[in-house]
N, C-alpha and C. Protein backbone atom coordinates (compact mmCIF):
# COMPACT_ATOMS: atom_id res chain seq x y z
N UNK A 1 1.44 34.53 28.79
CA UNK A 1 2.19 33.92 27.76
C UNK A 1 3.65 34.33 28.14
N UNK A 2 4.33 33.43 28.26
CA UNK A 2 5.80 33.62 28.90
C UNK A 2 6.90 33.39 27.80
N UNK A 3 7.91 34.01 27.50
CA UNK A 3 8.84 33.56 26.28
C UNK A 3 9.93 33.29 27.27
N UNK A 4 11.09 31.98 27.14
CA UNK A 4 11.98 31.79 27.58
C UNK A 4 13.43 31.82 27.00
N UNK A 5 14.37 32.56 27.33
CA UNK A 5 15.08 32.68 25.97
C UNK A 5 16.51 32.40 27.26
N UNK A 6 17.12 31.06 26.50
CA UNK A 6 18.23 30.47 26.73
C UNK A 6 19.81 31.01 26.77
N UNK A 7 20.53 31.09 27.64
CA UNK A 7 21.43 32.08 27.92
C UNK A 7 22.30 32.29 26.89
N UNK A 8 22.88 31.24 25.87
CA UNK A 8 23.67 31.24 24.78
C UNK A 8 22.64 31.56 23.05
N UNK A 9 21.32 32.42 23.47
CA UNK A 9 20.44 32.58 22.64
C UNK A 9 20.42 32.21 21.78
N UNK A 10 20.57 30.39 21.92
CA UNK A 10 20.01 29.49 20.96
C UNK A 10 18.92 28.85 20.67
N UNK A 11 18.32 29.16 21.53
CA UNK A 11 16.86 28.38 21.75
C UNK A 11 15.54 29.40 22.12
N UNK A 12 15.05 29.54 21.94
CA UNK A 12 13.38 30.24 22.38
C UNK A 12 12.34 29.07 22.65
N UNK A 13 11.84 29.33 24.09
CA UNK A 13 11.05 28.72 23.91
C UNK A 13 9.53 29.20 24.33
N UNK A 14 8.63 29.69 23.54
CA UNK A 14 7.11 30.31 23.39
C UNK A 14 6.22 29.13 23.62
N UNK A 15 5.56 29.01 24.41
CA UNK A 15 4.00 27.95 24.72
C UNK A 15 4.61 26.88 24.51
N UNK A 16 5.41 26.36 24.60
CA UNK A 16 6.06 24.58 24.23
C UNK A 16 6.37 24.62 22.94
N UNK A 17 6.34 25.59 22.25
CA UNK A 17 7.37 25.21 20.73
C UNK A 17 8.53 25.78 20.47
N UNK A 18 9.47 24.59 20.25
CA UNK A 18 10.67 25.20 20.11
C UNK A 18 11.07 25.43 18.96
N UNK A 19 12.26 26.57 19.04
CA UNK A 19 12.79 27.57 18.04
C UNK A 19 14.07 27.16 18.43
N UNK A 20 14.74 26.80 17.37
CA UNK A 20 16.06 26.90 17.16
C UNK A 20 16.76 28.14 16.34
N UNK A 21 17.81 29.28 16.79
CA UNK A 21 17.87 30.10 16.09
C UNK A 21 19.64 29.75 16.16
N UNK A 22 20.05 30.07 14.62
CA UNK A 22 21.23 29.42 14.21
C UNK A 22 22.65 30.52 14.95
N UNK A 23 23.57 30.18 15.82
CA UNK A 23 24.38 30.94 16.08
C UNK A 23 25.48 31.27 14.88
N UNK A 24 26.02 32.39 15.33
CA UNK A 24 27.10 32.68 14.21
C UNK A 24 28.19 32.12 13.63
N UNK A 25 28.30 30.96 14.53
CA UNK A 25 29.59 30.32 14.42
C UNK A 25 28.84 29.20 13.26
N UNK A 26 27.79 28.55 13.76
CA UNK A 26 27.07 27.64 13.08
C UNK A 26 26.56 28.24 11.64
N UNK A 27 26.40 29.19 11.56
CA UNK A 27 26.43 29.74 10.30
C UNK A 27 27.77 30.37 9.33
N UNK A 28 28.64 30.43 10.08
CA UNK A 28 30.28 30.61 9.30
C UNK A 28 30.37 28.98 8.85
N UNK A 29 30.53 27.85 9.99
CA UNK A 29 30.56 26.94 9.27
C UNK A 29 30.10 26.31 8.01
N UNK A 30 29.14 26.43 7.91
CA UNK A 30 28.35 25.75 6.45
C UNK A 30 27.93 27.28 5.52
N UNK A 31 28.92 28.22 5.49
CA UNK A 31 28.66 29.31 4.72
C UNK A 31 29.24 29.15 3.10
N UNK A 32 30.28 28.12 3.11
CA UNK A 32 30.79 27.56 1.43
C UNK A 32 30.66 26.39 1.38
N UNK A 33 30.29 26.34 -0.06
CA UNK A 33 29.88 25.33 -0.65
C UNK A 33 30.45 24.08 -0.42
N UNK A 34 32.07 24.30 -0.43
CA UNK A 34 32.86 23.27 -0.61
C UNK A 34 32.74 22.43 0.98
N UNK A 35 32.70 23.26 2.08
CA UNK A 35 32.26 22.68 3.19
C UNK A 35 30.79 21.93 3.47
N UNK A 36 29.68 22.03 2.88
CA UNK A 36 28.61 21.70 2.84
C UNK A 36 28.89 20.14 1.91
N UNK A 37 29.41 20.33 1.18
CA UNK A 37 29.55 18.90 0.05
C UNK A 37 30.33 17.92 0.90
N UNK A 38 31.66 18.76 1.60
CA UNK A 38 32.49 17.63 2.33
C UNK A 38 31.25 16.79 3.94
N UNK A 39 30.61 17.72 4.25
CA UNK A 39 29.44 17.09 5.77
C UNK A 39 28.63 16.19 4.70
N UNK A 40 27.93 16.22 3.58
CA UNK A 40 27.14 15.56 2.89
C UNK A 40 27.63 14.39 2.42
N UNK A 41 28.91 14.18 1.89
CA UNK A 41 29.87 12.90 1.89
C UNK A 41 30.21 12.42 2.81
N UNK A 42 30.33 12.93 3.89
CA UNK A 42 30.95 12.01 5.02
C UNK A 42 29.95 11.11 5.64
N UNK A 43 28.76 11.75 5.22
CA UNK A 43 27.47 10.93 5.91
C UNK A 43 27.09 9.69 5.15
N UNK A 44 27.65 9.81 3.72
CA UNK A 44 27.35 8.58 2.76
C UNK A 44 28.51 7.35 2.71
N UNK A 45 28.78 7.01 3.61
CA UNK A 45 29.99 6.23 3.47
C UNK A 45 29.63 4.74 2.87
N UNK A 46 28.42 4.23 2.40
CA UNK A 46 27.79 3.13 1.99
C UNK A 46 28.28 3.22 0.52
N UNK A 47 28.63 1.91 0.08
CA UNK A 47 29.00 1.80 -1.33
C UNK A 47 27.43 1.41 -2.07
N UNK A 48 27.84 1.21 -3.35
CA UNK A 48 26.57 1.07 -4.64
C UNK A 48 26.20 -0.54 -4.18
N UNK A 49 26.91 -1.37 -4.09
CA UNK A 49 27.06 -2.94 -3.43
C UNK A 49 25.93 -2.85 -2.25
N UNK A 50 26.49 -2.19 -1.57
CA UNK A 50 26.14 -2.67 0.13
C UNK A 50 24.45 -1.90 -0.18
N UNK A 51 24.41 -1.05 -0.71
CA UNK A 51 23.00 -0.38 -1.00
C UNK A 51 21.91 -1.16 -1.24
N UNK A 52 22.62 -1.69 -2.51
CA UNK A 52 21.65 -2.58 -3.30
C UNK A 52 21.24 -3.46 -2.21
N UNK A 53 22.22 -4.57 -1.76
CA UNK A 53 21.81 -5.64 -0.95
C UNK A 53 21.03 -5.14 0.24
N UNK A 54 21.26 -4.36 0.69
CA UNK A 54 20.37 -3.46 1.91
C UNK A 54 19.25 -3.58 1.32
N UNK A 55 18.95 -2.81 0.16
CA UNK A 55 17.36 -2.92 -0.59
C UNK A 55 16.91 -3.68 -0.69
N UNK A 56 17.75 -4.91 -1.55
CA UNK A 56 17.21 -6.12 -1.67
C UNK A 56 16.73 -6.66 -0.05
N UNK A 57 17.31 -7.13 0.51
CA UNK A 57 17.33 -7.88 1.84
C UNK A 57 16.06 -7.16 2.17
N UNK A 58 15.74 -5.98 2.48
CA UNK A 58 14.71 -5.48 3.40
C UNK A 58 13.26 -5.45 2.60
N UNK A 59 13.51 -5.35 0.88
CA UNK A 59 12.19 -5.59 0.04
C UNK A 59 11.63 -7.32 -0.33
N UNK A 60 12.39 -8.24 0.14
CA UNK A 60 12.33 -9.40 -0.27
C UNK A 60 10.98 -10.16 0.32
N UNK A 61 10.38 -9.63 1.56
CA UNK A 61 9.06 -10.07 2.15
C UNK A 61 8.11 -9.69 1.22
N UNK A 62 8.02 -8.37 1.00
CA UNK A 62 7.26 -7.77 -0.27
C UNK A 62 7.17 -8.26 -1.47
N UNK A 63 8.38 -8.98 -2.18
CA UNK A 63 8.03 -9.20 -3.28
C UNK A 63 7.77 -10.35 -3.12
N UNK A 64 8.13 -11.04 -2.22
CA UNK A 64 7.68 -12.85 -2.05
C UNK A 64 5.85 -12.38 -2.10
N UNK A 65 5.60 -11.80 -1.18
CA UNK A 65 3.88 -11.59 -0.85
C UNK A 65 3.20 -11.49 -2.37
N UNK A 66 4.15 -10.55 -2.77
CA UNK A 66 3.68 -10.04 -4.48
C UNK A 66 3.36 -11.34 -5.62
N UNK A 67 4.47 -12.18 -5.15
CA UNK A 67 4.58 -13.44 -6.24
C UNK A 67 3.35 -13.95 -5.60
N UNK A 68 3.77 -14.58 -4.47
CA UNK A 68 2.29 -15.34 -3.94
C UNK A 68 1.28 -14.92 -4.41
N UNK A 69 0.90 -13.95 -3.95
CA UNK A 69 -0.35 -13.08 -4.79
C UNK A 69 -0.67 -13.71 -5.74
N UNK A 70 0.33 -13.49 -6.65
CA UNK A 70 0.24 -13.31 -8.46
C UNK A 70 -0.09 -14.91 -8.68
N UNK A 71 0.49 -15.79 -7.85
CA UNK A 71 0.29 -17.35 -8.24
C UNK A 71 -0.77 -17.92 -8.44
N UNK A 72 -1.49 -17.38 -7.10
CA UNK A 72 -3.02 -18.00 -7.05
C UNK A 72 -3.67 -17.99 -8.25
N UNK A 73 -3.69 -16.47 -8.82
CA UNK A 73 -4.60 -16.70 -10.44
C UNK A 73 -3.70 -17.65 -11.38
N UNK A 74 -2.41 -17.45 -11.34
CA UNK A 74 -1.58 -17.73 -12.54
C UNK A 74 -1.86 -19.98 -12.63
N UNK A 75 -2.08 -20.36 -11.09
CA UNK A 75 -2.34 -21.58 -10.46
C UNK A 75 -3.52 -22.07 -11.29
N UNK A 76 -4.74 -20.97 -10.97
CA UNK A 76 -5.78 -21.17 -11.17
C UNK A 76 -5.83 -21.17 -12.93
N UNK A 77 -5.38 -20.40 -13.81
CA UNK A 77 -5.68 -20.25 -15.14
C UNK A 77 -4.75 -21.61 -15.73
N UNK A 78 -3.58 -21.72 -14.69
CA UNK A 78 -2.73 -23.43 -15.57
C UNK A 78 -3.46 -24.32 -15.50
N UNK A 79 -4.27 -24.64 -14.22
CA UNK A 79 -4.96 -25.92 -14.12
C UNK A 79 -6.22 -26.24 -15.15
N UNK A 80 -7.25 -24.61 -15.07
CA UNK A 80 -8.21 -24.56 -16.01
C UNK A 80 -7.72 -24.86 -17.45
N UNK A 81 -6.50 -24.27 -17.70
CA UNK A 81 -6.39 -24.42 -19.53
C UNK A 81 -6.28 -26.12 -19.66
N UNK A 82 -5.81 -26.81 -19.03
CA UNK A 82 -5.98 -28.27 -19.36
C UNK A 82 -7.59 -28.61 -19.15
N UNK A 83 -8.64 -27.98 -18.93
CA UNK A 83 -9.69 -28.70 -18.97
C UNK A 83 -10.75 -28.39 -20.13
N UNK A 84 -10.71 -27.23 -20.49
CA UNK A 84 -11.14 -26.76 -21.52
C UNK A 84 -11.22 -25.30 -22.34
N UNK A 85 -11.17 -24.98 -23.35
CA UNK A 85 -11.08 -23.18 -23.48
C UNK A 85 -12.42 -22.57 -23.23
N UNK A 86 -13.58 -23.04 -23.14
CA UNK A 86 -14.61 -22.23 -22.58
C UNK A 86 -14.35 -21.80 -20.92
N UNK A 87 -13.84 -23.00 -20.28
CA UNK A 87 -13.88 -22.71 -19.21
C UNK A 87 -12.22 -21.85 -18.61
N UNK A 88 -11.46 -21.95 -19.67
CA UNK A 88 -10.12 -21.15 -19.87
C UNK A 88 -10.55 -19.50 -19.86
N UNK A 89 -11.61 -19.50 -20.60
CA UNK A 89 -12.07 -17.91 -21.07
C UNK A 89 -12.87 -17.27 -19.86
N UNK A 90 -13.84 -18.53 -19.33
CA UNK A 90 -14.52 -17.53 -18.26
C UNK A 90 -13.87 -17.50 -16.90
N UNK A 91 -12.68 -18.16 -16.46
CA UNK A 91 -11.73 -18.02 -15.48
C UNK A 91 -10.88 -16.99 -16.01
N UNK A 92 -10.80 -16.60 -16.94
CA UNK A 92 -9.21 -15.40 -17.61
C UNK A 92 -10.49 -14.27 -17.18
N UNK A 93 -11.46 -14.11 -17.77
CA UNK A 93 -12.74 -13.13 -17.57
C UNK A 93 -13.18 -12.70 -16.17
N UNK A 94 -13.14 -14.03 -14.94
CA UNK A 94 -13.26 -13.77 -13.89
C UNK A 94 -11.98 -12.99 -13.41
N UNK A 95 -11.26 -13.36 -13.85
CA UNK A 95 -9.54 -12.84 -13.28
C UNK A 95 -9.74 -11.37 -13.49
N UNK A 96 -9.92 -11.13 -14.79
CA UNK A 96 -9.90 -9.78 -14.98
C UNK A 96 -11.10 -9.03 -14.54
N UNK A 97 -12.24 -9.42 -14.10
CA UNK A 97 -12.82 -8.58 -13.52
C UNK A 97 -12.37 -8.25 -11.90
N UNK A 98 -12.07 -9.40 -11.17
CA UNK A 98 -11.47 -9.36 -10.25
C UNK A 98 -10.18 -8.21 -10.12
N UNK A 99 -9.46 -8.07 -10.53
CA UNK A 99 -8.19 -7.26 -10.95
C UNK A 99 -8.70 -5.83 -10.66
N UNK A 100 -9.66 -5.21 -11.69
CA UNK A 100 -10.12 -3.96 -12.07
C UNK A 100 -11.15 -3.95 -10.81
N UNK A 101 -12.07 -4.65 -10.91
CA UNK A 101 -12.84 -4.01 -9.80
C UNK A 101 -12.52 -4.30 -8.45
N UNK A 102 -11.96 -5.33 -8.05
CA UNK A 102 -11.97 -5.64 -6.45
C UNK A 102 -10.31 -4.75 -6.17
N UNK A 103 -9.23 -5.66 -6.84
CA UNK A 103 -8.01 -5.37 -6.63
C UNK A 103 -7.12 -3.85 -6.66
N UNK A 104 -7.78 -3.35 -7.73
CA UNK A 104 -6.84 -2.35 -8.30
C UNK A 104 -7.56 -1.30 -7.19
N UNK A 105 -8.99 -1.28 -6.85
CA UNK A 105 -9.45 -0.41 -6.17
C UNK A 105 -9.25 -0.59 -4.60
N UNK A 106 -9.06 -1.45 -4.00
CA UNK A 106 -8.53 -1.91 -2.73
C UNK A 106 -7.43 -1.46 -2.48
N UNK A 107 -6.72 -1.78 -3.57
CA UNK A 107 -4.77 -1.62 -2.99
C UNK A 107 -4.56 -0.05 -3.43
N UNK A 108 -5.39 0.36 -4.18
CA UNK A 108 -5.36 1.87 -4.08
C UNK A 108 -5.98 2.42 -2.74
N UNK A 109 -7.16 1.95 -2.16
CA UNK A 109 -7.61 2.32 -1.18
C UNK A 109 -6.35 2.74 0.20
N UNK A 110 -5.70 0.78 -0.14
CA UNK A 110 -4.91 1.14 1.19
C UNK A 110 -3.58 1.46 1.08
N UNK A 111 -3.22 2.00 -0.27
CA UNK A 111 -2.42 2.56 0.02
C UNK A 111 -2.21 4.04 0.77
N UNK A 112 -3.34 4.43 1.22
CA UNK A 112 -3.51 5.76 1.88
C UNK A 112 -3.26 5.57 3.37
N UNK A 113 -3.33 4.29 3.92
CA UNK A 113 -3.11 3.98 5.12
C UNK A 113 -1.93 4.28 5.71
N UNK A 114 -0.71 3.92 4.39
CA UNK A 114 0.61 4.15 4.99
C UNK A 114 0.91 5.45 5.07
N UNK A 115 0.56 6.85 4.83
CA UNK A 115 0.74 7.77 4.73
C UNK A 115 -0.07 8.23 6.17
N UNK A 116 -1.05 7.98 6.32
CA UNK A 116 -1.82 8.20 8.02
C UNK A 116 -0.97 7.66 8.76
N UNK A 117 -0.56 5.92 9.04
CA UNK A 117 0.11 5.67 9.83
C UNK A 117 1.60 6.09 10.27
N UNK A 118 2.11 6.60 9.04
CA UNK A 118 3.33 7.37 9.44
C UNK A 118 3.17 8.47 9.76
N UNK A 119 2.46 9.70 9.75
CA UNK A 119 1.92 10.33 10.27
C UNK A 119 2.07 10.67 11.74
N UNK A 120 0.92 9.90 11.74
CA UNK A 120 0.51 9.25 13.33
C UNK A 120 1.61 8.78 14.00
N UNK A 121 2.39 7.83 13.63
CA UNK A 121 3.60 7.11 14.17
C UNK A 121 4.98 8.45 14.69
N UNK A 122 4.66 8.82 13.33
CA UNK A 122 5.79 10.32 13.52
C UNK A 122 5.00 11.20 15.03
N UNK A 123 4.60 11.12 15.20
CA UNK A 123 3.92 12.22 16.25
C UNK A 123 3.95 11.33 17.33
N UNK A 124 4.14 10.36 17.21
CA UNK A 124 4.19 9.11 18.52
C UNK A 124 2.72 8.91 19.37
N UNK A 125 1.72 8.80 18.26
CA UNK A 125 0.56 8.68 18.61
C UNK A 125 -0.11 7.74 17.93
N UNK A 126 0.55 6.44 18.89
CA UNK A 126 0.01 4.91 18.56
C UNK A 126 -1.27 4.41 18.35
N UNK A 127 -1.93 4.77 19.14
CA UNK A 127 -3.73 5.10 19.07
C UNK A 127 -3.91 5.43 17.93
N UNK A 128 -3.42 6.51 17.11
CA UNK A 128 -3.90 7.21 16.11
C UNK A 128 -3.67 5.80 14.91
N UNK A 129 -2.82 5.43 14.89
CA UNK A 129 -2.30 4.62 14.06
C UNK A 129 -3.34 3.21 13.80
N UNK A 130 -3.93 2.86 15.21
CA UNK A 130 -4.76 1.35 15.48
C UNK A 130 -6.13 2.27 15.14
N UNK A 131 -6.44 3.46 14.96
CA UNK A 131 -7.87 3.85 14.60
C UNK A 131 -7.87 4.12 12.75
N UNK A 132 -6.40 4.79 12.41
CA UNK A 132 -6.45 4.55 11.08
C UNK A 132 -6.46 2.89 10.54
N UNK A 133 -6.21 2.10 11.14
CA UNK A 133 -6.14 0.81 10.32
C UNK A 133 -7.70 0.15 10.68
N UNK A 134 -8.52 0.30 11.66
CA UNK A 134 -9.82 0.05 11.63
C UNK A 134 -10.75 0.84 10.74
N UNK A 135 -10.35 2.06 10.53
CA UNK A 135 -11.27 3.35 9.66
C UNK A 135 -10.62 2.54 8.13
N UNK A 136 -9.55 2.14 7.58
CA UNK A 136 -9.37 1.59 6.40
C UNK A 136 -9.82 0.10 6.26
N UNK A 137 -9.70 -0.52 7.39
CA UNK A 137 -10.60 -1.79 7.14
C UNK A 137 -11.94 -1.49 6.72
N UNK A 138 -12.78 -0.88 7.59
CA UNK A 138 -14.62 -0.33 7.50
C UNK A 138 -14.26 -0.01 6.04
N UNK A 139 -13.23 1.28 5.72
CA UNK A 139 -13.61 2.10 4.08
C UNK A 139 -13.60 0.78 3.25
N UNK A 140 -12.75 0.00 3.43
CA UNK A 140 -12.58 -1.21 2.02
C UNK A 140 -13.77 -2.03 2.05
N UNK A 141 -14.43 -2.59 3.52
CA UNK A 141 -15.30 -3.34 3.27
C UNK A 141 -16.21 -2.50 3.06
N UNK A 142 -16.67 -1.47 2.71
CA UNK A 142 -17.97 -0.96 2.71
C UNK A 142 -17.74 -0.91 1.07
N UNK A 143 -16.38 -0.64 0.42
CA UNK A 143 -16.37 -0.42 -0.72
C UNK A 143 -16.74 -1.77 -1.33
N UNK A 144 -16.10 -2.93 -0.81
CA UNK A 144 -16.27 -4.31 -1.44
C UNK A 144 -17.49 -5.10 -1.40
N UNK A 145 -18.21 -4.16 -0.41
CA UNK A 145 -19.54 -5.05 -0.16
C UNK A 145 -20.54 -4.90 -1.34
N UNK A 146 -20.30 -3.52 -2.13
CA UNK A 146 -21.39 -3.75 -3.25
C UNK A 146 -20.77 -4.39 -4.37
N UNK A 147 -19.54 -4.88 -4.45
CA UNK A 147 -18.76 -5.26 -5.45
C UNK A 147 -19.07 -7.18 -5.48
N UNK A 148 -19.08 -7.26 -4.17
CA UNK A 148 -19.60 -8.70 -3.99
C UNK A 148 -21.32 -8.65 -4.50
N UNK A 149 -21.91 -7.97 -4.64
CA UNK A 149 -23.37 -7.98 -4.69
C UNK A 149 -23.36 -7.77 -6.35
N UNK A 150 -22.46 -7.07 -6.58
CA UNK A 150 -22.56 -6.89 -8.02
C UNK A 150 -21.80 -8.35 -8.77
N UNK A 151 -20.90 -8.79 -8.27
CA UNK A 151 -21.05 -10.14 -8.75
C UNK A 151 -21.63 -11.36 -8.91
N UNK A 152 -22.66 -11.01 -7.94
CA UNK A 152 -23.71 -12.39 -8.17
C UNK A 152 -24.32 -12.33 -9.29
N UNK A 153 -24.77 -10.93 -9.64
CA UNK A 153 -25.32 -10.63 -10.77
C UNK A 153 -24.64 -10.41 -12.29
N UNK A 154 -23.21 -10.43 -12.12
CA UNK A 154 -22.70 -10.13 -13.21
C UNK A 154 -22.69 -10.78 -14.74
N UNK A 155 -23.09 -12.02 -14.39
CA UNK A 155 -23.32 -12.87 -15.65
C UNK A 155 -24.23 -12.15 -16.38
N UNK A 156 -25.33 -11.56 -15.76
CA UNK A 156 -26.59 -11.08 -16.82
C UNK A 156 -25.85 -9.44 -17.08
N UNK A 157 -24.95 -8.99 -16.71
CA UNK A 157 -24.65 -7.91 -17.07
C UNK A 157 -23.50 -8.07 -18.23
N UNK A 158 -22.77 -9.25 -17.82
CA UNK A 158 -21.91 -9.71 -19.15
C UNK A 158 -22.77 -10.05 -20.24
N UNK A 159 -24.17 -10.91 -20.34
CA UNK A 159 -24.42 -11.22 -21.03
C UNK A 159 -25.11 -9.90 -22.19
N UNK A 160 -25.33 -8.69 -21.26
CA UNK A 160 -25.71 -7.87 -21.75
C UNK A 160 -25.04 -6.78 -22.70
N UNK A 161 -23.58 -6.89 -21.93
CA UNK A 161 -22.29 -6.46 -23.08
C UNK A 161 -22.02 -7.31 -24.44
N UNK A 162 -22.72 -8.29 -24.89
CA UNK A 162 -22.54 -9.25 -25.48
C UNK A 162 -21.62 -10.24 -25.79
N UNK A 163 -21.46 -10.84 -24.19
CA UNK A 163 -20.50 -11.84 -24.12
C UNK A 163 -21.09 -13.57 -24.32
N UNK A 164 -20.48 -13.79 -24.59
CA UNK A 164 -21.12 -15.73 -24.65
C UNK A 164 -21.69 -16.07 -23.54
N UNK A 165 -22.64 -16.37 -23.36
CA UNK A 165 -23.91 -16.89 -21.98
C UNK A 165 -22.82 -17.47 -21.09
N UNK A 166 -22.36 -18.72 -21.92
CA UNK A 166 -21.72 -19.85 -21.02
C UNK A 166 -20.41 -19.39 -20.44
N UNK A 167 -19.53 -18.35 -21.18
CA UNK A 167 -18.42 -18.00 -20.41
C UNK A 167 -18.54 -16.86 -19.56
N UNK A 168 -19.99 -16.36 -19.35
CA UNK A 168 -20.40 -15.34 -18.51
C UNK A 168 -20.69 -16.22 -17.25
N UNK A 169 -21.45 -17.39 -17.43
CA UNK A 169 -21.90 -18.13 -16.49
C UNK A 169 -20.73 -18.31 -15.38
N UNK A 170 -19.44 -19.14 -16.19
CA UNK A 170 -18.54 -19.39 -15.38
C UNK A 170 -17.78 -18.14 -14.89
N UNK A 171 -17.43 -17.23 -15.38
CA UNK A 171 -17.02 -15.67 -14.99
C UNK A 171 -17.64 -15.51 -13.52
N UNK A 172 -19.03 -15.61 -13.79
CA UNK A 172 -19.66 -15.36 -12.27
C UNK A 172 -19.59 -16.27 -11.34
N UNK A 173 -19.48 -17.45 -11.59
CA UNK A 173 -19.24 -18.62 -10.56
C UNK A 173 -17.74 -18.14 -9.81
N UNK A 174 -16.74 -17.98 -10.81
CA UNK A 174 -15.45 -18.22 -10.30
C UNK A 174 -15.41 -17.16 -9.63
N UNK A 175 -16.21 -15.51 -9.65
CA UNK A 175 -15.98 -14.67 -9.10
C UNK A 175 -16.47 -14.75 -7.57
N UNK A 176 -17.89 -15.37 -7.93
CA UNK A 176 -18.75 -15.46 -6.54
C UNK A 176 -17.81 -16.72 -5.31
N UNK A 177 -17.64 -17.83 -6.06
CA UNK A 177 -16.38 -18.74 -5.55
C UNK A 177 -15.41 -18.18 -4.69
N UNK A 178 -14.82 -17.30 -5.53
CA UNK A 178 -13.51 -16.98 -4.85
C UNK A 178 -13.68 -15.46 -3.62
N UNK A 179 -14.93 -15.43 -3.53
CA UNK A 179 -15.07 -14.02 -2.70
C UNK A 179 -14.44 -14.36 -1.19
N UNK A 180 -14.35 -15.54 -0.62
CA UNK A 180 -13.96 -15.43 0.63
C UNK A 180 -12.65 -15.31 0.51
N UNK A 181 -11.97 -15.92 -0.38
CA UNK A 181 -10.28 -15.45 -0.77
C UNK A 181 -9.93 -14.41 -1.03
N UNK A 182 -10.70 -13.60 -1.56
CA UNK A 182 -10.33 -12.34 -2.37
C UNK A 182 -10.61 -11.13 -1.05
N UNK A 183 -11.65 -11.46 -0.31
CA UNK A 183 -12.11 -10.71 0.99
C UNK A 183 -10.59 -10.92 2.05
N UNK A 184 -10.56 -12.13 2.31
CA UNK A 184 -9.50 -12.00 3.03
C UNK A 184 -8.27 -11.50 2.70
N UNK A 185 -7.93 -11.55 1.46
CA UNK A 185 -6.79 -10.84 1.11
C UNK A 185 -6.76 -9.71 0.54
N UNK A 186 -7.65 -8.57 0.68
CA UNK A 186 -7.79 -7.27 0.84
C UNK A 186 -7.84 -6.99 2.12
N UNK A 187 -8.45 -7.79 3.52
CA UNK A 187 -8.27 -7.52 4.96
C UNK A 187 -6.74 -7.70 4.75
N UNK A 188 -5.98 -8.68 4.65
CA UNK A 188 -4.52 -8.94 4.68
C UNK A 188 -3.86 -7.73 4.49
N UNK A 189 -4.18 -7.20 3.16
CA UNK A 189 -2.97 -6.30 2.53
C UNK A 189 -3.33 -4.90 3.38
N UNK A 190 -4.66 -4.43 3.66
CA UNK A 190 -4.56 -3.52 4.81
C UNK A 190 -3.67 -3.44 6.11
N UNK A 191 -3.79 -5.20 6.47
CA UNK A 191 -2.89 -4.99 7.98
C UNK A 191 -1.17 -4.94 7.58
N UNK A 192 -0.92 -5.43 6.40
CA UNK A 192 0.40 -5.64 5.67
C UNK A 192 0.69 -4.23 5.47
N UNK A 193 0.17 -3.22 4.95
CA UNK A 193 0.09 -1.50 4.82
C UNK A 193 0.38 -0.99 6.32
N UNK A 194 -0.40 -1.42 7.18
CA UNK A 194 -0.41 -1.04 8.28
C UNK A 194 0.96 -1.22 9.02
N UNK A 195 1.83 -2.28 8.89
CA UNK A 195 2.72 -2.88 9.58
C UNK A 195 4.08 -1.95 8.97
């Protein structure tokens, strides 16, 4: 184990780890509170309106994604509402089941990928970023496969919970027939959070 000490005594290298020793000049430079405040205020030359527009511009794709995601369910309810009240009740119940059993769980799971990918990307390990994406896909798929099976029998469960049998069958049909759409949507959400 060798320790290399720089001539000006500012950096110490011990087995590849870099340590930075603050010199007396640097310590004196930031010793008074006024100098620290001056240094931090010089870095924030962005006005409030510039900051607002920068955030709005960068968040627009995410906002549009969430609006279009909710529009699918809204359009289903809108068109079904013109057919019959039983159909509207069944689709509303099906949407509630999808939101609780699929989207709440999977979007919560997908939220962890952002943290893991950020850690790996910060270390410069892009291979690990891809590994986290693939692991997230496997985990999310393994969680929603039992939900798919549950949706096949959800009408019997709802009838046992004292739901109207006709509405329970409509809710089951809605959940089962939308499986391809929400399965792809969950996988898209995984990829979106990876990027």
